[in-house]
C-alpha cells in the first residue's frame, strides 16, 4: 500500500512541478457559487496546486487543503501567500487518512476518484453541509483525462455513490445534443447532507 502511495506521489510531484500556473477553479464551484455557504469549514480534498482552495478561502471560508503531493502543496501555499489568503494546507494520503466525521460544511473533490472514500466523505459533512464533486466520465467527447476507464465515472455513478445525500445540482451531458457546448467529458454533483 505504501509503495503504491509513493508511486502516486512521485507521479503527481512531477506533474505539478512541470505544470504552468495554479490550475483552474473547479467548474462545479463556479457554476454553483450561489449554493455555497458564506462561512464555515471547507475541505479541498486532493487539492493539487490549489486554485479552488484559494478561491474558497477568498470567499471567507476556513479552508483545509489536502494532497498527496508535496510539490502541489508547496505551490498552493505560494499562491495563498501571493493572494493574501489564509488556509491550512497539508500533505496527506487521503485514502489512508480520510476526513473525520462531521468535520466540514463544504467538501470539494475535483478530478480525483476513489470510490471507497464515498462513505467517509458523506460522514465528514456536517448536517446541512455540501459536497461539490466533479471528475471525468466514461461518456466523453474528447480524449481529456485518464485513459484508464477505472478512473472515470460510469453513467450516473456520482448519484449512486452519494445516494444518501440530497441532490441540489447535477450535470452529466455525455454526448447528447450539441457536443461543442455545455458540460462535457465530466460529471458534477452538488449534494447536501440532511439536517439531522
N, C-alpha and C. Protein backbone atom coordinates (compact mmCIF):
# COMPACT_ATOMS: atom_id res chain seq x y z
N UNK A 1 0.82 -1.20 0.00
CA UNK A 1 0.00 0.00 0.00
C UNK A 1 0.86 1.26 0.00
N UNK A 2 1.91 1.27 0.87
CA UNK A 2 2.79 2.43 0.94
C UNK A 2 3.55 2.62 -0.36
N UNK A 3 3.96 1.50 -0.99
CA UNK A 3 4.68 1.59 -2.25
C UNK A 3 3.80 2.22 -3.33
N UNK A 4 2.51 1.86 -3.34
CA UNK A 4 1.59 2.43 -4.31
C UNK A 4 1.43 3.94 -4.07
N UNK A 5 1.28 4.34 -2.80
CA UNK A 5 1.15 5.76 -2.47
C UNK A 5 2.40 6.52 -2.88
N UNK A 6 3.58 5.92 -2.68
CA UNK A 6 4.82 6.57 -3.08
C UNK A 6 4.88 6.76 -4.59
N UNK A 7 4.41 5.78 -5.33
CA UNK A 7 4.37 5.88 -6.79
C UNK A 7 3.46 7.00 -7.25
N UNK A 8 2.28 7.10 -6.64
CA UNK A 8 1.35 8.18 -6.98
C UNK A 8 1.94 9.54 -6.62
N UNK A 9 2.58 9.60 -5.45
CA UNK A 9 3.19 10.86 -5.01
C UNK A 9 4.24 11.32 -6.02
N UNK A 10 5.10 10.42 -6.45
CA UNK A 10 6.14 10.76 -7.41
C UNK A 10 5.53 11.24 -8.74
N UNK A 11 4.51 10.53 -9.20
CA UNK A 11 3.85 10.91 -10.45
C UNK A 11 3.28 12.32 -10.37
N UNK A 12 2.56 12.61 -9.27
CA UNK A 12 1.92 13.92 -9.14
C UNK A 12 2.93 15.02 -8.82
N UNK A 13 4.00 14.70 -8.10
CA UNK A 13 5.06 15.69 -7.90
C UNK A 13 5.63 16.14 -9.24
N UNK A 14 5.87 15.19 -10.13
CA UNK A 14 6.40 15.53 -11.45
C UNK A 14 5.41 16.38 -12.24
N UNK A 15 4.15 16.01 -12.21
CA UNK A 15 3.14 16.77 -12.96
C UNK A 15 3.00 18.19 -12.44
N UNK A 16 2.93 18.33 -11.11
CA UNK A 16 2.78 19.66 -10.52
C UNK A 16 4.02 20.52 -10.75
N UNK A 17 5.20 19.91 -10.72
CA UNK A 17 6.43 20.66 -10.96
C UNK A 17 6.49 21.18 -12.40
N UNK A 18 5.99 20.39 -13.33
CA UNK A 18 6.06 20.76 -14.75
C UNK A 18 4.91 21.67 -15.19
N UNK A 19 3.83 21.71 -14.44
CA UNK A 19 2.64 22.45 -14.86
C UNK A 19 2.85 23.96 -14.73
N UNK A 20 2.25 24.68 -15.66
CA UNK A 20 2.26 26.13 -15.59
C UNK A 20 1.06 26.61 -14.78
N UNK A 21 1.23 27.66 -14.03
CA UNK A 21 0.13 28.26 -13.29
C UNK A 21 -0.34 27.39 -12.12
N UNK A 22 -1.50 27.75 -11.62
CA UNK A 22 -2.04 27.08 -10.43
C UNK A 22 -3.31 26.30 -10.72
N UNK A 23 -3.57 26.05 -11.99
CA UNK A 23 -4.77 25.32 -12.35
C UNK A 23 -5.97 26.25 -12.38
N UNK A 24 -7.13 25.67 -12.54
CA UNK A 24 -8.37 26.44 -12.63
C UNK A 24 -9.28 26.11 -11.46
N UNK A 25 -10.09 27.07 -11.09
CA UNK A 25 -11.11 26.82 -10.06
C UNK A 25 -12.10 25.81 -10.63
N UNK A 26 -12.48 24.86 -9.83
CA UNK A 26 -13.40 23.80 -10.27
C UNK A 26 -14.70 24.39 -10.80
N UNK A 27 -15.11 23.92 -11.96
CA UNK A 27 -16.34 24.45 -12.57
C UNK A 27 -17.57 24.18 -11.71
N UNK A 28 -17.56 23.09 -10.95
CA UNK A 28 -18.71 22.82 -10.08
C UNK A 28 -18.88 23.92 -9.04
N UNK A 29 -17.78 24.55 -8.63
CA UNK A 29 -17.87 25.69 -7.70
C UNK A 29 -18.36 26.94 -8.42
N UNK A 30 -17.76 27.23 -9.55
CA UNK A 30 -18.09 28.46 -10.27
C UNK A 30 -19.55 28.49 -10.72
N UNK A 31 -20.04 27.36 -11.22
CA UNK A 31 -21.43 27.30 -11.70
C UNK A 31 -22.46 27.27 -10.58
N UNK A 32 -22.01 26.94 -9.38
CA UNK A 32 -22.95 26.79 -8.26
C UNK A 32 -22.55 27.63 -7.05
N UNK A 33 -21.84 28.72 -7.29
CA UNK A 33 -21.34 29.54 -6.18
C UNK A 33 -22.47 30.08 -5.31
N UNK A 34 -23.65 30.26 -5.89
CA UNK A 34 -24.80 30.77 -5.14
C UNK A 34 -25.33 29.77 -4.10
N UNK A 35 -24.91 28.51 -4.21
CA UNK A 35 -25.36 27.47 -3.26
C UNK A 35 -24.39 27.29 -2.09
N UNK A 36 -23.20 27.85 -2.20
CA UNK A 36 -22.15 27.59 -1.21
C UNK A 36 -22.40 28.36 0.08
N UNK A 37 -21.94 27.79 1.21
CA UNK A 37 -22.10 28.50 2.47
C UNK A 37 -21.25 29.77 2.50
N UNK A 38 -21.71 30.76 3.24
CA UNK A 38 -20.99 32.03 3.35
C UNK A 38 -19.84 31.93 4.35
N UNK A 39 -19.89 30.96 5.25
CA UNK A 39 -18.85 30.78 6.25
C UNK A 39 -18.84 29.31 6.65
N UNK A 40 -17.83 28.94 7.43
CA UNK A 40 -17.71 27.57 7.89
C UNK A 40 -16.42 26.94 7.42
N UNK A 41 -16.29 25.65 7.70
CA UNK A 41 -15.08 24.89 7.38
C UNK A 41 -15.25 24.18 6.05
N UNK A 42 -14.25 24.36 5.18
CA UNK A 42 -14.27 23.73 3.86
C UNK A 42 -13.02 22.88 3.68
N UNK A 43 -13.16 21.81 2.93
CA UNK A 43 -12.05 20.92 2.60
C UNK A 43 -11.95 20.79 1.09
N UNK A 44 -10.77 21.06 0.56
CA UNK A 44 -10.46 20.75 -0.84
C UNK A 44 -9.61 19.48 -0.79
N UNK A 45 -10.24 18.36 -1.10
CA UNK A 45 -9.61 17.04 -1.00
C UNK A 45 -8.91 16.73 -2.31
N UNK A 46 -7.63 16.35 -2.24
CA UNK A 46 -6.80 16.14 -3.44
C UNK A 46 -6.73 17.46 -4.22
N UNK A 47 -6.25 18.48 -3.54
CA UNK A 47 -6.35 19.87 -4.00
C UNK A 47 -5.40 20.26 -5.11
N UNK A 48 -4.40 19.45 -5.38
CA UNK A 48 -3.46 19.80 -6.44
C UNK A 48 -2.71 21.09 -6.12
N UNK A 49 -2.62 21.97 -7.12
CA UNK A 49 -1.87 23.23 -6.96
C UNK A 49 -2.68 24.33 -6.32
N UNK A 50 -3.97 24.12 -6.09
CA UNK A 50 -4.68 24.96 -5.16
C UNK A 50 -5.57 26.09 -5.62
N UNK A 51 -5.89 26.19 -6.90
CA UNK A 51 -6.73 27.30 -7.35
C UNK A 51 -8.07 27.32 -6.63
N UNK A 52 -8.70 26.17 -6.48
CA UNK A 52 -10.02 26.12 -5.84
C UNK A 52 -9.94 26.41 -4.35
N UNK A 53 -8.91 25.90 -3.68
CA UNK A 53 -8.75 26.15 -2.25
C UNK A 53 -8.58 27.64 -1.98
N UNK A 54 -7.76 28.30 -2.77
CA UNK A 54 -7.54 29.74 -2.60
C UNK A 54 -8.83 30.51 -2.89
N UNK A 55 -9.56 30.10 -3.91
CA UNK A 55 -10.84 30.73 -4.26
C UNK A 55 -11.82 30.62 -3.09
N UNK A 56 -11.90 29.45 -2.48
CA UNK A 56 -12.80 29.25 -1.33
C UNK A 56 -12.36 30.10 -0.14
N UNK A 57 -11.06 30.16 0.11
CA UNK A 57 -10.56 30.97 1.23
C UNK A 57 -10.84 32.45 1.00
N UNK A 58 -10.73 32.90 -0.23
CA UNK A 58 -11.01 34.31 -0.54
C UNK A 58 -12.48 34.64 -0.32
N UNK A 59 -13.36 33.65 -0.35
CA UNK A 59 -14.79 33.85 -0.08
C UNK A 59 -15.10 33.86 1.42
N UNK A 60 -14.09 33.65 2.25
CA UNK A 60 -14.29 33.74 3.69
C UNK A 60 -14.44 32.41 4.41
N UNK A 61 -14.26 31.30 3.71
CA UNK A 61 -14.34 30.01 4.36
C UNK A 61 -13.01 29.65 5.02
N UNK A 62 -13.07 28.84 6.06
CA UNK A 62 -11.87 28.32 6.72
C UNK A 62 -11.48 27.05 5.98
N UNK A 63 -10.45 27.14 5.16
CA UNK A 63 -10.15 26.07 4.20
C UNK A 63 -9.00 25.19 4.66
N UNK A 64 -9.24 23.89 4.59
CA UNK A 64 -8.18 22.88 4.67
C UNK A 64 -8.01 22.34 3.27
N UNK A 65 -6.76 22.16 2.86
CA UNK A 65 -6.46 21.66 1.52
C UNK A 65 -5.46 20.52 1.66
N UNK A 66 -5.85 19.34 1.20
CA UNK A 66 -5.02 18.15 1.37
C UNK A 66 -4.65 17.58 0.01
N UNK A 67 -3.41 17.15 -0.10
CA UNK A 67 -2.96 16.47 -1.31
C UNK A 67 -1.79 15.57 -0.98
N UNK A 68 -1.63 14.52 -1.75
CA UNK A 68 -0.54 13.57 -1.58
C UNK A 68 0.80 14.17 -2.01
N UNK A 69 0.77 15.17 -2.88
CA UNK A 69 1.98 15.72 -3.48
C UNK A 69 2.54 16.91 -2.69
N UNK A 70 3.76 16.77 -2.15
CA UNK A 70 4.39 17.93 -1.51
C UNK A 70 4.62 19.09 -2.48
N UNK A 71 4.89 18.78 -3.74
CA UNK A 71 5.09 19.84 -4.73
C UNK A 71 3.79 20.62 -4.93
N UNK A 72 2.66 19.91 -5.04
CA UNK A 72 1.37 20.58 -5.16
C UNK A 72 1.09 21.47 -3.96
N UNK A 73 1.35 20.96 -2.78
CA UNK A 73 1.10 21.74 -1.55
C UNK A 73 2.01 22.96 -1.49
N UNK A 74 3.28 22.82 -1.87
CA UNK A 74 4.19 23.98 -1.90
C UNK A 74 3.67 25.05 -2.84
N UNK A 75 3.18 24.63 -4.00
CA UNK A 75 2.67 25.61 -4.97
C UNK A 75 1.39 26.26 -4.47
N UNK A 76 0.55 25.50 -3.79
CA UNK A 76 -0.66 26.05 -3.19
C UNK A 76 -0.32 27.09 -2.13
N UNK A 77 0.62 26.78 -1.26
CA UNK A 77 0.99 27.73 -0.21
C UNK A 77 1.57 29.02 -0.81
N UNK A 78 2.32 28.90 -1.89
CA UNK A 78 2.86 30.09 -2.55
C UNK A 78 1.73 30.94 -3.13
N UNK A 79 0.75 30.29 -3.74
CA UNK A 79 -0.40 31.01 -4.29
C UNK A 79 -1.20 31.70 -3.19
N UNK A 80 -1.40 31.01 -2.07
CA UNK A 80 -2.15 31.61 -0.95
C UNK A 80 -1.44 32.86 -0.43
N UNK A 81 -0.12 32.79 -0.31
CA UNK A 81 0.65 33.97 0.14
C UNK A 81 0.51 35.10 -0.87
N UNK A 82 0.64 34.75 -2.15
CA UNK A 82 0.53 35.75 -3.22
C UNK A 82 -0.83 36.43 -3.22
N UNK A 83 -1.89 35.67 -2.95
CA UNK A 83 -3.25 36.21 -2.96
C UNK A 83 -3.66 36.79 -1.61
N UNK A 84 -2.83 36.60 -0.59
CA UNK A 84 -3.12 37.16 0.72
C UNK A 84 -4.26 36.48 1.45
N UNK A 85 -4.40 35.17 1.27
CA UNK A 85 -5.45 34.42 1.96
C UNK A 85 -4.81 33.40 2.90
N UNK A 86 -5.55 33.08 3.95
CA UNK A 86 -5.09 32.08 4.91
C UNK A 86 -5.85 30.79 4.69
N UNK A 87 -5.11 29.69 4.76
CA UNK A 87 -5.71 28.35 4.70
C UNK A 87 -4.73 27.38 5.33
N UNK A 88 -5.20 26.19 5.57
CA UNK A 88 -4.35 25.14 6.14
C UNK A 88 -4.11 24.10 5.05
N UNK A 89 -2.88 24.03 4.56
CA UNK A 89 -2.50 23.07 3.53
C UNK A 89 -1.70 21.94 4.17
N UNK A 90 -1.97 20.72 3.72
CA UNK A 90 -1.35 19.56 4.35
C UNK A 90 -1.06 18.48 3.32
N UNK A 91 0.16 17.95 3.37
CA UNK A 91 0.48 16.76 2.59
C UNK A 91 -0.18 15.59 3.32
N UNK A 92 -1.10 14.92 2.62
CA UNK A 92 -1.87 13.88 3.29
C UNK A 92 -2.35 12.84 2.29
N UNK A 93 -2.18 11.60 2.64
CA UNK A 93 -2.73 10.49 1.86
C UNK A 93 -4.19 10.37 2.29
N UNK A 94 -5.08 10.90 1.47
CA UNK A 94 -6.49 10.98 1.85
C UNK A 94 -7.18 9.61 1.86
N UNK A 95 -6.59 8.64 1.20
CA UNK A 95 -7.15 7.29 1.24
C UNK A 95 -6.83 6.64 2.58
N UNK A 96 -5.59 6.78 3.02
CA UNK A 96 -5.18 6.22 4.31
C UNK A 96 -5.73 7.02 5.49
N UNK A 97 -5.95 8.33 5.29
CA UNK A 97 -6.40 9.21 6.37
C UNK A 97 -7.51 10.12 5.87
N UNK A 98 -8.73 9.56 5.71
CA UNK A 98 -9.85 10.38 5.24
C UNK A 98 -10.29 11.38 6.31
N UNK A 99 -11.15 12.31 5.95
CA UNK A 99 -11.61 13.29 6.95
C UNK A 99 -12.43 12.65 8.06
N UNK A 100 -12.38 13.28 9.21
CA UNK A 100 -13.14 12.82 10.37
C UNK A 100 -14.63 13.10 10.18
N UNK A 101 -15.50 12.33 10.83
CA UNK A 101 -16.94 12.58 10.73
C UNK A 101 -17.32 13.98 11.22
N UNK A 102 -18.32 14.55 10.58
CA UNK A 102 -18.91 15.85 10.94
C UNK A 102 -17.88 16.96 11.08
N UNK A 103 -16.95 17.03 10.14
CA UNK A 103 -15.85 18.00 10.22
C UNK A 103 -16.02 19.22 9.32
N UNK A 104 -16.82 19.11 8.26
CA UNK A 104 -16.82 20.17 7.25
C UNK A 104 -18.22 20.58 6.82
N UNK A 105 -18.33 21.86 6.50
CA UNK A 105 -19.57 22.41 5.95
C UNK A 105 -19.58 22.33 4.43
N UNK A 106 -18.42 22.16 3.84
CA UNK A 106 -18.27 22.03 2.39
C UNK A 106 -17.07 21.14 2.10
N UNK A 107 -17.26 20.19 1.22
CA UNK A 107 -16.15 19.37 0.74
C UNK A 107 -16.14 19.45 -0.78
N UNK A 108 -14.99 19.77 -1.34
CA UNK A 108 -14.78 19.77 -2.78
C UNK A 108 -13.87 18.62 -3.15
N UNK A 109 -14.27 17.88 -4.18
CA UNK A 109 -13.40 16.88 -4.79
C UNK A 109 -13.44 17.15 -6.29
N UNK A 110 -12.27 17.41 -6.86
CA UNK A 110 -12.19 17.76 -8.28
C UNK A 110 -11.12 16.93 -8.96
N UNK A 111 -11.54 16.14 -9.94
CA UNK A 111 -10.64 15.30 -10.72
C UNK A 111 -9.85 14.31 -9.86
N UNK A 112 -10.53 13.71 -8.93
CA UNK A 112 -9.97 12.63 -8.11
C UNK A 112 -11.10 11.64 -7.89
N UNK A 113 -10.84 10.38 -8.14
CA UNK A 113 -11.88 9.36 -7.98
C UNK A 113 -11.34 8.18 -7.21
N UNK A 114 -11.78 8.07 -5.98
CA UNK A 114 -11.50 6.90 -5.14
C UNK A 114 -12.84 6.52 -4.53
N UNK A 115 -13.49 5.58 -5.19
CA UNK A 115 -14.86 5.21 -4.83
C UNK A 115 -15.01 4.79 -3.38
N UNK A 116 -13.99 4.16 -2.82
CA UNK A 116 -14.08 3.67 -1.44
C UNK A 116 -14.19 4.80 -0.42
N UNK A 117 -13.87 6.03 -0.82
CA UNK A 117 -13.97 7.17 0.10
C UNK A 117 -15.38 7.73 0.24
N UNK A 118 -16.30 7.32 -0.62
CA UNK A 118 -17.64 7.92 -0.60
C UNK A 118 -18.29 7.90 0.78
N UNK A 119 -18.33 6.76 1.50
CA UNK A 119 -18.96 6.80 2.83
C UNK A 119 -18.28 7.76 3.80
N UNK A 120 -16.95 7.84 3.75
CA UNK A 120 -16.23 8.76 4.64
C UNK A 120 -16.52 10.21 4.30
N UNK A 121 -16.66 10.51 3.02
CA UNK A 121 -16.98 11.89 2.62
C UNK A 121 -18.37 12.28 3.08
N UNK A 122 -19.31 11.37 2.93
CA UNK A 122 -20.68 11.64 3.40
C UNK A 122 -20.66 11.89 4.91
N UNK A 123 -19.97 11.03 5.64
CA UNK A 123 -19.91 11.15 7.11
C UNK A 123 -19.18 12.42 7.54
N UNK A 124 -18.22 12.88 6.74
CA UNK A 124 -17.42 14.06 7.11
C UNK A 124 -18.20 15.36 7.00
N UNK A 125 -19.33 15.34 6.29
CA UNK A 125 -20.15 16.55 6.19
C UNK A 125 -20.93 16.78 7.48
N UNK A 126 -21.00 18.01 7.88
CA UNK A 126 -21.87 18.37 9.00
C UNK A 126 -23.31 18.42 8.47
N UNK A 127 -24.31 18.35 9.34
CA UNK A 127 -25.69 18.49 8.86
C UNK A 127 -25.86 19.79 8.08
N UNK A 128 -26.45 19.67 6.89
CA UNK A 128 -26.61 20.82 6.01
C UNK A 128 -25.39 21.10 5.15
N UNK A 129 -24.33 20.32 5.34
CA UNK A 129 -23.09 20.52 4.58
C UNK A 129 -23.24 20.09 3.13
N UNK A 130 -22.40 20.67 2.27
CA UNK A 130 -22.46 20.40 0.84
C UNK A 130 -21.23 19.65 0.36
N UNK A 131 -21.47 18.70 -0.52
CA UNK A 131 -20.41 18.04 -1.27
C UNK A 131 -20.46 18.58 -2.69
N UNK A 132 -19.34 19.09 -3.17
CA UNK A 132 -19.20 19.52 -4.57
C UNK A 132 -18.18 18.59 -5.21
N UNK A 133 -18.61 17.84 -6.20
CA UNK A 133 -17.75 16.79 -6.77
C UNK A 133 -17.77 16.89 -8.28
N UNK A 134 -16.59 16.85 -8.89
CA UNK A 134 -16.52 16.78 -10.34
C UNK A 134 -15.35 15.90 -10.74
N UNK A 135 -15.56 15.07 -11.74
CA UNK A 135 -14.45 14.31 -12.31
C UNK A 135 -14.85 13.77 -13.67
N UNK A 136 -13.89 13.15 -14.32
CA UNK A 136 -14.09 12.68 -15.69
C UNK A 136 -15.08 11.52 -15.76
N UNK A 137 -15.82 11.49 -16.85
CA UNK A 137 -16.79 10.41 -17.08
C UNK A 137 -16.36 9.56 -18.27
N UNK A 138 -16.87 8.35 -18.30
CA UNK A 138 -16.58 7.43 -19.40
C UNK A 138 -17.18 7.96 -20.70
N UNK A 139 -18.34 8.56 -20.62
CA UNK A 139 -19.05 9.04 -21.81
C UNK A 139 -18.54 10.43 -22.18
N UNK A 140 -17.33 10.47 -22.75
CA UNK A 140 -16.65 11.74 -23.03
C UNK A 140 -16.67 12.03 -24.53
N UNK A 141 -16.49 13.29 -24.86
CA UNK A 141 -16.45 13.71 -26.27
C UNK A 141 -15.02 14.03 -26.72
N UNK A 142 -14.06 14.06 -25.81
CA UNK A 142 -12.66 14.30 -26.16
C UNK A 142 -11.80 13.25 -25.45
N UNK A 143 -10.49 13.34 -25.67
CA UNK A 143 -9.60 12.40 -25.00
C UNK A 143 -8.95 13.01 -23.76
N UNK A 144 -9.52 14.10 -23.23
CA UNK A 144 -9.05 14.70 -21.98
C UNK A 144 -9.23 13.70 -20.84
N UNK A 145 -8.31 13.72 -19.91
CA UNK A 145 -8.46 12.90 -18.72
C UNK A 145 -7.76 11.56 -18.84
N UNK A 146 -7.95 10.72 -17.83
CA UNK A 146 -7.24 9.45 -17.77
C UNK A 146 -7.69 8.48 -18.87
N UNK A 147 -6.74 7.71 -19.36
CA UNK A 147 -7.06 6.70 -20.38
C UNK A 147 -7.63 5.43 -19.74
N UNK A 148 -7.33 5.22 -18.48
CA UNK A 148 -7.82 4.04 -17.76
C UNK A 148 -9.28 4.28 -17.35
N UNK A 149 -10.22 3.47 -17.85
CA UNK A 149 -11.63 3.69 -17.51
C UNK A 149 -11.95 3.52 -16.02
N UNK A 150 -11.06 2.86 -15.27
CA UNK A 150 -11.28 2.72 -13.83
C UNK A 150 -11.25 4.08 -13.12
N UNK A 151 -10.61 5.07 -13.75
CA UNK A 151 -10.51 6.40 -13.16
C UNK A 151 -11.53 7.37 -13.76
N UNK A 152 -12.56 6.81 -14.38
CA UNK A 152 -13.65 7.60 -14.96
C UNK A 152 -14.98 7.09 -14.40
N UNK A 153 -15.91 8.00 -14.26
CA UNK A 153 -17.23 7.66 -13.74
C UNK A 153 -18.08 6.96 -14.80
N UNK A 154 -18.81 5.95 -14.37
CA UNK A 154 -19.85 5.36 -15.21
C UNK A 154 -21.05 6.30 -15.22
N UNK A 155 -21.97 6.05 -16.11
CA UNK A 155 -23.16 6.89 -16.21
C UNK A 155 -23.92 6.93 -14.89
N UNK A 156 -24.20 8.12 -14.42
CA UNK A 156 -24.94 8.38 -13.17
C UNK A 156 -24.26 7.82 -11.92
N UNK A 157 -22.97 7.53 -12.01
CA UNK A 157 -22.29 6.91 -10.87
C UNK A 157 -22.22 7.83 -9.66
N UNK A 158 -22.01 9.13 -9.86
CA UNK A 158 -21.98 10.03 -8.71
C UNK A 158 -23.29 9.99 -7.93
N UNK A 159 -24.39 9.86 -8.65
CA UNK A 159 -25.69 9.79 -7.98
C UNK A 159 -25.78 8.54 -7.11
N UNK A 160 -25.23 7.44 -7.58
CA UNK A 160 -25.26 6.20 -6.81
C UNK A 160 -24.28 6.26 -5.63
N UNK A 161 -23.07 6.75 -5.88
CA UNK A 161 -22.07 6.80 -4.81
C UNK A 161 -22.52 7.64 -3.63
N UNK A 162 -23.25 8.71 -3.93
CA UNK A 162 -23.64 9.66 -2.87
C UNK A 162 -25.15 9.70 -2.68
N UNK A 163 -25.79 8.55 -2.89
CA UNK A 163 -27.26 8.44 -2.80
C UNK A 163 -27.83 8.92 -1.46
N UNK A 164 -27.14 8.77 -0.32
CA UNK A 164 -27.73 9.27 0.93
C UNK A 164 -27.87 10.79 0.99
N UNK A 165 -27.18 11.51 0.12
CA UNK A 165 -27.24 12.98 0.13
C UNK A 165 -28.38 13.47 -0.74
N UNK A 166 -28.84 14.69 -0.47
CA UNK A 166 -29.90 15.33 -1.25
C UNK A 166 -29.28 16.08 -2.42
N UNK A 167 -29.60 15.68 -3.64
CA UNK A 167 -29.04 16.31 -4.83
C UNK A 167 -29.59 17.72 -4.96
N UNK A 168 -28.66 18.67 -5.14
CA UNK A 168 -29.03 20.07 -5.34
C UNK A 168 -28.71 20.53 -6.76
N UNK A 169 -27.70 19.93 -7.37
CA UNK A 169 -27.36 20.24 -8.77
C UNK A 169 -26.60 19.04 -9.32
N UNK A 170 -26.87 18.70 -10.57
CA UNK A 170 -26.18 17.58 -11.20
C UNK A 170 -26.10 17.82 -12.70
N UNK A 171 -24.93 17.58 -13.28
CA UNK A 171 -24.79 17.66 -14.74
C UNK A 171 -23.91 16.52 -15.20
N UNK A 172 -24.39 15.87 -16.22
CA UNK A 172 -23.65 14.82 -16.90
C UNK A 172 -24.26 14.73 -18.29
N UNK A 173 -23.70 15.45 -19.23
CA UNK A 173 -24.34 15.60 -20.52
C UNK A 173 -23.85 14.61 -21.57
N UNK A 174 -22.72 13.98 -21.30
CA UNK A 174 -22.21 12.98 -22.22
C UNK A 174 -22.10 13.49 -23.64
N UNK A 175 -22.70 12.75 -24.55
CA UNK A 175 -22.64 13.08 -25.99
C UNK A 175 -23.98 13.56 -26.53
N UNK A 176 -24.86 13.95 -25.64
CA UNK A 176 -26.21 14.38 -26.03
C UNK A 176 -26.18 15.76 -26.67
N UNK A 177 -26.87 15.91 -27.79
CA UNK A 177 -27.06 17.23 -28.41
C UNK A 177 -25.79 17.80 -29.01
N UNK A 178 -25.65 19.12 -28.92
CA UNK A 178 -24.52 19.86 -29.48
C UNK A 178 -23.32 19.69 -28.55
N UNK A 179 -22.41 18.81 -28.93
CA UNK A 179 -21.26 18.48 -28.06
C UNK A 179 -20.22 19.59 -27.97
N UNK A 180 -20.39 20.65 -28.73
CA UNK A 180 -19.45 21.77 -28.63
C UNK A 180 -19.84 22.73 -27.51
N UNK A 181 -20.95 22.48 -26.86
CA UNK A 181 -21.44 23.35 -25.78
C UNK A 181 -21.75 22.52 -24.55
N UNK A 182 -21.83 23.20 -23.41
CA UNK A 182 -22.26 22.55 -22.18
C UNK A 182 -21.12 21.95 -21.38
N UNK A 183 -21.48 21.08 -20.45
CA UNK A 183 -20.53 20.41 -19.57
C UNK A 183 -20.23 19.05 -20.19
N UNK A 184 -19.05 18.92 -20.77
CA UNK A 184 -18.68 17.69 -21.48
C UNK A 184 -17.47 17.05 -20.82
N UNK A 185 -17.32 15.76 -20.99
CA UNK A 185 -16.20 14.95 -20.51
C UNK A 185 -16.22 14.71 -19.00
N UNK A 186 -17.04 15.44 -18.27
CA UNK A 186 -17.09 15.28 -16.81
C UNK A 186 -18.53 15.17 -16.35
N UNK A 187 -18.67 14.75 -15.12
CA UNK A 187 -19.95 14.85 -14.40
C UNK A 187 -19.68 15.65 -13.15
N UNK A 188 -20.67 16.44 -12.74
CA UNK A 188 -20.53 17.10 -11.45
C UNK A 188 -21.81 17.08 -10.64
N UNK A 189 -21.59 17.12 -9.34
CA UNK A 189 -22.67 16.97 -8.38
C UNK A 189 -22.50 17.97 -7.26
N UNK A 190 -23.59 18.60 -6.86
CA UNK A 190 -23.67 19.35 -5.61
C UNK A 190 -24.76 18.66 -4.79
N UNK A 191 -24.42 18.17 -3.62
CA UNK A 191 -25.37 17.42 -2.81
C UNK A 191 -25.23 17.81 -1.34
N UNK A 192 -26.33 17.77 -0.64
CA UNK A 192 -26.42 18.27 0.74
C UNK A 192 -26.70 17.13 1.70
N UNK A 193 -26.00 17.15 2.82
CA UNK A 193 -26.32 16.20 3.89
C UNK A 193 -27.53 16.73 4.65
N UNK A 194 -28.51 15.89 4.82
CA UNK A 194 -29.73 16.31 5.53
C UNK A 194 -29.40 16.78 6.94
N UNK A 195 -30.12 17.79 7.36
CA UNK A 195 -30.01 18.23 8.76
C UNK A 195 -30.63 17.14 9.63
N UNK A 196 -29.91 16.70 10.63
CA UNK A 196 -30.40 15.61 11.49
C UNK A 196 -31.59 16.10 12.25
